[in-house]
Amino acid sequence: MAEAKRKFESVREWVAEHKLRTVGCLWLSGIAGSIAYNWSQPNMKTSVRIIHARLHAQALTLAALAGAAVVEYYDHKTGTKAERYAAYIPHKDAE
């Protein structure tokens, strides 16, 4: 149980640090998977296949952005984000 929690935390931290890369990779994999699926469907025009692939990838991107928003919200609620940026904020005592 503890090992799974540590793995989840490490994945969450990586996603928090690389949000745009995560969304981009999900979009690219969504396009590739959807094109592969649509190409296996007979009697469909190429333009329709491409449109379907774009729509599937767009839906996956919206889901990924919603997931990134949840991670950001979680970071703000737990104070993790404040700890991460504390070293970069000048303190009044240092003046």
Protein backbone atom coordinates (compact mmCIF):
# COMPACT_ATOMS: atom_id res chain seq x y z
CA MET A 1 0.00 0.00 0.00
CA ALA A 2 2.77 2.43 0.94
CA GLU A 3 4.68 1.61 -2.26
CA ALA A 4 1.62 2.36 -4.39
CA LYS A 5 1.12 5.66 -2.57
CA ARG A 6 4.75 6.67 -3.18
CA LYS A 7 4.42 5.76 -6.86
CA PHE A 8 1.20 7.78 -7.13
CA GLU A 9 2.89 10.77 -5.45
CA SER A 10 5.86 10.60 -7.80
CA VAL A 11 3.57 10.46 -10.84
CA ARG A 12 1.50 13.35 -9.46
CA GLU A 13 4.63 15.43 -8.89
CA TRP A 14 5.87 14.75 -12.42
CA VAL A 15 2.50 15.72 -13.89
CA ALA A 16 2.45 18.88 -11.74
CA GLU A 17 5.88 19.86 -13.05
CA HIS A 18 5.18 18.97 -16.70
CA LYS A 19 1.51 19.83 -17.28
CA LEU A 20 1.85 21.02 -20.86
CA ARG A 21 4.06 18.10 -21.84
CA THR A 22 1.49 15.70 -20.36
CA VAL A 23 -1.41 17.31 -22.23
CA GLY A 24 0.61 17.36 -25.47
CA CYS A 25 1.54 13.70 -25.17
CA LEU A 26 -2.06 12.75 -24.45
CA TRP A 27 -3.19 14.75 -27.49
CA LEU A 28 -0.61 13.12 -29.74
CA SER A 29 -1.45 9.62 -28.50
CA GLY A 30 -5.16 10.39 -28.89
CA ILE A 31 -4.68 11.45 -32.51
CA ALA A 32 -2.52 8.40 -33.28
CA GLY A 33 -4.89 5.96 -31.59
CA SER A 34 -7.95 7.46 -33.20
CA ILE A 35 -6.40 7.46 -36.67
CA ALA A 36 -5.36 3.82 -36.19
CA TYR A 37 -8.88 2.91 -35.09
CA ASN A 38 -10.58 4.88 -37.88
CA TRP A 39 -8.32 3.37 -40.54
CA SER A 40 -9.54 -0.08 -39.53
CA GLN A 41 -13.13 0.95 -40.28
CA PRO A 42 -14.13 0.11 -43.86
CA ASN A 43 -16.30 2.33 -46.09
CA MET A 44 -15.25 5.63 -44.56
CA LYS A 45 -13.81 8.57 -46.47
CA THR A 46 -10.34 9.80 -45.50
CA SER A 47 -11.65 13.26 -44.63
CA VAL A 48 -14.19 11.75 -42.21
CA ARG A 49 -11.46 9.63 -40.62
CA ILE A 50 -9.31 12.70 -40.01
CA ILE A 51 -12.24 14.70 -38.61
CA HIS A 52 -13.12 11.85 -36.23
CA ALA A 53 -9.50 11.57 -35.10
CA ARG A 54 -9.38 15.30 -34.40
CA LEU A 55 -12.62 15.19 -32.42
CA HIS A 56 -11.45 12.25 -30.32
CA ALA A 57 -8.12 13.95 -29.61
CA GLN A 58 -9.90 17.18 -28.73
CA ALA A 59 -12.09 15.39 -26.19
CA LEU A 60 -9.04 13.68 -24.71
CA THR A 61 -7.25 17.04 -24.48
CA LEU A 62 -10.17 18.60 -22.62
CA ALA A 63 -10.11 15.69 -20.18
CA ALA A 64 -6.35 16.11 -19.72
CA LEU A 65 -6.75 19.85 -19.08
CA ALA A 66 -9.45 19.10 -16.52
CA GLY A 67 -7.08 16.62 -14.87
CA ALA A 68 -4.30 19.23 -14.81
CA ALA A 69 -6.73 21.67 -13.19
CA VAL A 70 -7.52 19.09 -10.50
CA VAL A 71 -3.79 18.59 -9.84
CA GLU A 72 -3.30 22.36 -9.62
CA TYR A 73 -6.25 22.66 -7.21
CA TYR A 74 -4.87 19.83 -5.08
CA ASP A 75 -1.46 21.53 -4.95
CA HIS A 76 -3.02 24.80 -3.79
CA LYS A 77 -5.16 23.07 -1.16
CA THR A 78 -2.29 21.04 0.32
CA GLY A 79 0.25 23.87 0.17
CA THR A 80 2.64 21.86 -2.00
CA LYS A 81 2.89 24.66 -4.52
CA ALA A 82 3.76 27.22 -1.84
CA GLU A 83 6.57 24.98 -0.57
CA ARG A 84 7.93 24.56 -4.09
CA TYR A 85 8.18 28.31 -4.76
CA ALA A 86 9.18 29.43 -1.26
CA ALA A 87 12.87 29.48 -2.17
CA TYR A 88 12.24 31.96 -5.01
CA ILE A 89 10.21 34.48 -2.99
CA PRO A 90 12.32 37.13 -1.25
CA HIS A 91 11.62 37.47 2.47
CA LYS A 92 11.23 40.80 4.23
CA ASP A 93 13.91 39.76 6.72
CA ALA A 94 16.51 39.57 3.94
CA GLU A 95 16.27 43.31 3.21
